[in-house]
Amino acid sequence: MSERKRPQVRRETAAEQQAREERLAQQLRANLRKRKRQQRGRQADDGAPDGTAAGAGQGKPGPEGSD
């Protein structure tokens, strides 16, 4: 009986791994920007009155909070 040889698994170098991770990070950032843009568009399409669109409730209070 002959022994079976395991197939060679190519290991990536540190530079290849870093390049792959950077590409993935760029794709994730692009996807996040796209999703945020879509979310803002949906909120604007909801016919929400002024002050309740994206970003409302964050940061400094508006006129209603200045009593």
N, C-alpha and C. Protein backbone atom coordinates (compact mmCIF):
# COMPACT_ATOMS: atom_id res chain seq x y z
N MET A 1 0.83 -1.19 0.00
CA MET A 1 0.00 0.00 0.00
C MET A 1 0.87 1.25 0.00
N SER A 2 0.50 2.14 -0.81
CA SER A 2 1.26 3.38 -0.84
C SER A 2 0.57 4.42 0.05
N GLU A 3 1.37 5.24 0.65
CA GLU A 3 0.81 6.28 1.51
C GLU A 3 0.29 7.42 0.65
N ARG A 4 -0.82 7.97 1.08
CA ARG A 4 -1.37 9.11 0.36
C ARG A 4 -0.63 10.36 0.78
N LYS A 5 -0.33 11.18 -0.20
CA LYS A 5 0.31 12.45 0.12
C LYS A 5 -0.77 13.51 0.32
N ARG A 6 -0.55 14.31 1.31
CA ARG A 6 -1.49 15.41 1.54
C ARG A 6 -1.25 16.48 0.49
N PRO A 7 -2.31 17.10 0.01
CA PRO A 7 -2.11 18.17 -0.97
C PRO A 7 -1.39 19.35 -0.31
N GLN A 8 -0.55 19.97 -1.07
CA GLN A 8 0.19 21.11 -0.56
C GLN A 8 -0.77 22.29 -0.36
N VAL A 9 -0.74 22.85 0.82
CA VAL A 9 -1.55 24.03 1.11
C VAL A 9 -0.60 25.22 1.11
N ARG A 10 -0.85 26.14 0.20
CA ARG A 10 0.02 27.31 0.09
C ARG A 10 -0.31 28.29 1.21
N ARG A 11 0.67 28.67 1.97
CA ARG A 11 0.49 29.64 3.04
C ARG A 11 0.80 31.03 2.49
N GLU A 12 -0.02 32.01 2.87
CA GLU A 12 0.26 33.35 2.39
C GLU A 12 1.37 34.00 3.21
N THR A 13 2.08 34.85 2.54
CA THR A 13 3.12 35.60 3.23
C THR A 13 2.46 36.71 4.04
N ALA A 14 3.22 37.33 4.91
CA ALA A 14 2.68 38.42 5.72
C ALA A 14 2.21 39.57 4.83
N ALA A 15 2.96 39.85 3.77
CA ALA A 15 2.58 40.94 2.86
C ALA A 15 1.28 40.62 2.13
N GLU A 16 1.12 39.36 1.72
CA GLU A 16 -0.12 38.96 1.03
C GLU A 16 -1.31 39.04 1.97
N GLN A 17 -1.10 38.61 3.21
CA GLN A 17 -2.18 38.67 4.20
C GLN A 17 -2.57 40.11 4.48
N GLN A 18 -1.57 40.97 4.61
CA GLN A 18 -1.84 42.38 4.89
C GLN A 18 -2.59 43.01 3.71
N ALA A 19 -2.19 42.68 2.49
CA ALA A 19 -2.87 43.22 1.31
C ALA A 19 -4.32 42.73 1.26
N ARG A 20 -4.53 41.46 1.56
CA ARG A 20 -5.89 40.90 1.55
C ARG A 20 -6.75 41.58 2.61
N GLU A 21 -6.20 41.76 3.80
CA GLU A 21 -6.95 42.41 4.88
C GLU A 21 -7.28 43.86 4.52
N GLU A 22 -6.35 44.55 3.87
CA GLU A 22 -6.59 45.93 3.46
C GLU A 22 -7.71 46.00 2.42
N ARG A 23 -7.71 45.06 1.47
CA ARG A 23 -8.78 45.01 0.47
C ARG A 23 -10.13 44.77 1.14
N LEU A 24 -10.16 43.85 2.09
CA LEU A 24 -11.40 43.57 2.82
C LEU A 24 -11.87 44.80 3.60
N ALA A 25 -10.94 45.49 4.23
CA ALA A 25 -11.28 46.68 5.00
C ALA A 25 -11.86 47.76 4.09
N GLN A 26 -11.27 47.93 2.90
CA GLN A 26 -11.78 48.91 1.94
C GLN A 26 -13.19 48.54 1.49
N GLN A 27 -13.42 47.25 1.26
CA GLN A 27 -14.75 46.81 0.85
C GLN A 27 -15.77 47.04 1.95
N LEU A 28 -15.37 46.78 3.19
CA LEU A 28 -16.28 47.00 4.32
C LEU A 28 -16.63 48.48 4.47
N ARG A 29 -15.61 49.35 4.33
CA ARG A 29 -15.87 50.79 4.44
C ARG A 29 -16.80 51.26 3.32
N ALA A 30 -16.56 50.78 2.10
CA ALA A 30 -17.41 51.15 0.97
C ALA A 30 -18.84 50.67 1.19
N ASN A 31 -18.99 49.46 1.70
CA ASN A 31 -20.32 48.92 1.97
C ASN A 31 -21.02 49.72 3.05
N LEU A 32 -20.29 50.12 4.08
CA LEU A 32 -20.87 50.91 5.15
C LEU A 32 -21.34 52.26 4.63
N ARG A 33 -20.51 52.92 3.80
CA ARG A 33 -20.91 54.20 3.21
C ARG A 33 -22.18 54.04 2.38
N LYS A 34 -22.23 52.96 1.60
CA LYS A 34 -23.39 52.70 0.76
C LYS A 34 -24.64 52.49 1.61
N ARG A 35 -24.53 51.70 2.68
CA ARG A 35 -25.67 51.45 3.54
C ARG A 35 -26.14 52.72 4.23
N LYS A 36 -25.20 53.56 4.68
CA LYS A 36 -25.57 54.83 5.32
C LYS A 36 -26.31 55.73 4.33
N ARG A 37 -25.80 55.78 3.09
CA ARG A 37 -26.43 56.59 2.05
C ARG A 37 -27.86 56.10 1.78
N GLN A 38 -28.03 54.77 1.72
CA GLN A 38 -29.35 54.21 1.49
C GLN A 38 -30.28 54.52 2.66
N GLN A 39 -29.77 54.42 3.87
CA GLN A 39 -30.58 54.70 5.07
C GLN A 39 -31.03 56.16 5.07
N ARG A 40 -30.11 57.08 4.74
CA ARG A 40 -30.49 58.49 4.69
C ARG A 40 -31.56 58.72 3.63
N GLY A 41 -31.42 58.04 2.50
CA GLY A 41 -32.42 58.17 1.44
C GLY A 41 -33.78 57.65 1.88
N ARG A 42 -33.81 56.53 2.58
CA ARG A 42 -35.07 55.98 3.07
C ARG A 42 -35.71 56.92 4.07
N GLN A 43 -34.91 57.49 4.96
CA GLN A 43 -35.46 58.39 5.97
C GLN A 43 -36.01 59.65 5.31
N ALA A 44 -35.35 60.14 4.28
CA ALA A 44 -35.83 61.32 3.57
C ALA A 44 -37.12 60.99 2.82
N ASP A 45 -37.23 59.77 2.31
CA ASP A 45 -38.42 59.35 1.56
C ASP A 45 -39.61 59.07 2.47
N ASP A 46 -39.38 58.89 3.75
CA ASP A 46 -40.47 58.60 4.68
C ASP A 46 -41.37 59.80 4.90
N GLY A 47 -40.98 60.96 4.40
CA GLY A 47 -41.77 62.16 4.60
C GLY A 47 -41.71 62.65 6.03
N ALA A 48 -40.62 62.35 6.70
CA ALA A 48 -40.47 62.76 8.10
C ALA A 48 -40.40 64.28 8.17
N PRO A 49 -41.08 64.89 9.14
CA PRO A 49 -41.00 66.34 9.28
C PRO A 49 -39.58 66.78 9.63
N ASP A 50 -39.29 68.04 9.40
CA ASP A 50 -37.95 68.56 9.66
C ASP A 50 -37.53 68.29 11.09
N GLY A 51 -36.28 67.93 11.26
CA GLY A 51 -35.74 67.70 12.59
C GLY A 51 -35.81 66.24 13.01
N THR A 52 -36.46 65.41 12.23
CA THR A 52 -36.54 64.00 12.60
C THR A 52 -35.82 63.11 11.59
N ALA A 53 -35.14 63.72 10.64
CA ALA A 53 -34.40 62.94 9.64
C ALA A 53 -33.11 62.42 10.27
N ALA A 54 -32.26 61.86 9.44
CA ALA A 54 -31.00 61.27 9.92
C ALA A 54 -30.22 62.28 10.74
N GLY A 55 -29.74 61.86 11.87
CA GLY A 55 -28.92 62.71 12.71
C GLY A 55 -29.71 63.45 13.77
N ALA A 56 -31.02 63.43 13.68
CA ALA A 56 -31.83 64.11 14.69
C ALA A 56 -31.68 63.38 16.02
N GLY A 57 -31.71 64.14 17.09
CA GLY A 57 -31.59 63.52 18.40
C GLY A 57 -30.15 63.30 18.81
N GLN A 58 -29.24 63.73 17.98
CA GLN A 58 -27.82 63.57 18.29
C GLN A 58 -27.20 64.95 18.42
N GLY A 59 -26.28 65.09 19.31
CA GLY A 59 -25.59 66.36 19.44
C GLY A 59 -26.38 67.34 20.28
N LYS A 60 -26.27 68.63 19.92
CA LYS A 60 -26.90 69.69 20.72
C LYS A 60 -28.41 69.69 20.52
N PRO A 61 -29.15 69.99 21.58
CA PRO A 61 -30.61 70.06 21.44
C PRO A 61 -31.01 71.26 20.61
N GLY A 62 -32.14 71.14 19.92
CA GLY A 62 -32.65 72.23 19.10
C GLY A 62 -33.47 73.19 19.92
N PRO A 63 -34.34 73.96 19.27
CA PRO A 63 -35.15 74.96 19.98
C PRO A 63 -36.01 74.36 21.08
N GLU A 64 -36.49 73.11 20.89
CA GLU A 64 -37.33 72.54 21.93
C GLU A 64 -36.56 72.24 23.21
N GLY A 65 -35.27 72.10 23.17
CA GLY A 65 -34.48 71.79 24.36
C GLY A 65 -33.82 73.00 24.98
N SER A 66 -34.17 74.21 24.52
CA SER A 66 -33.47 75.39 25.01
C SER A 66 -34.29 76.18 26.02
N ASP A 67 -35.18 75.54 26.76
CA ASP A 67 -36.01 76.22 27.78
C ASP A 67 -35.17 76.79 28.87
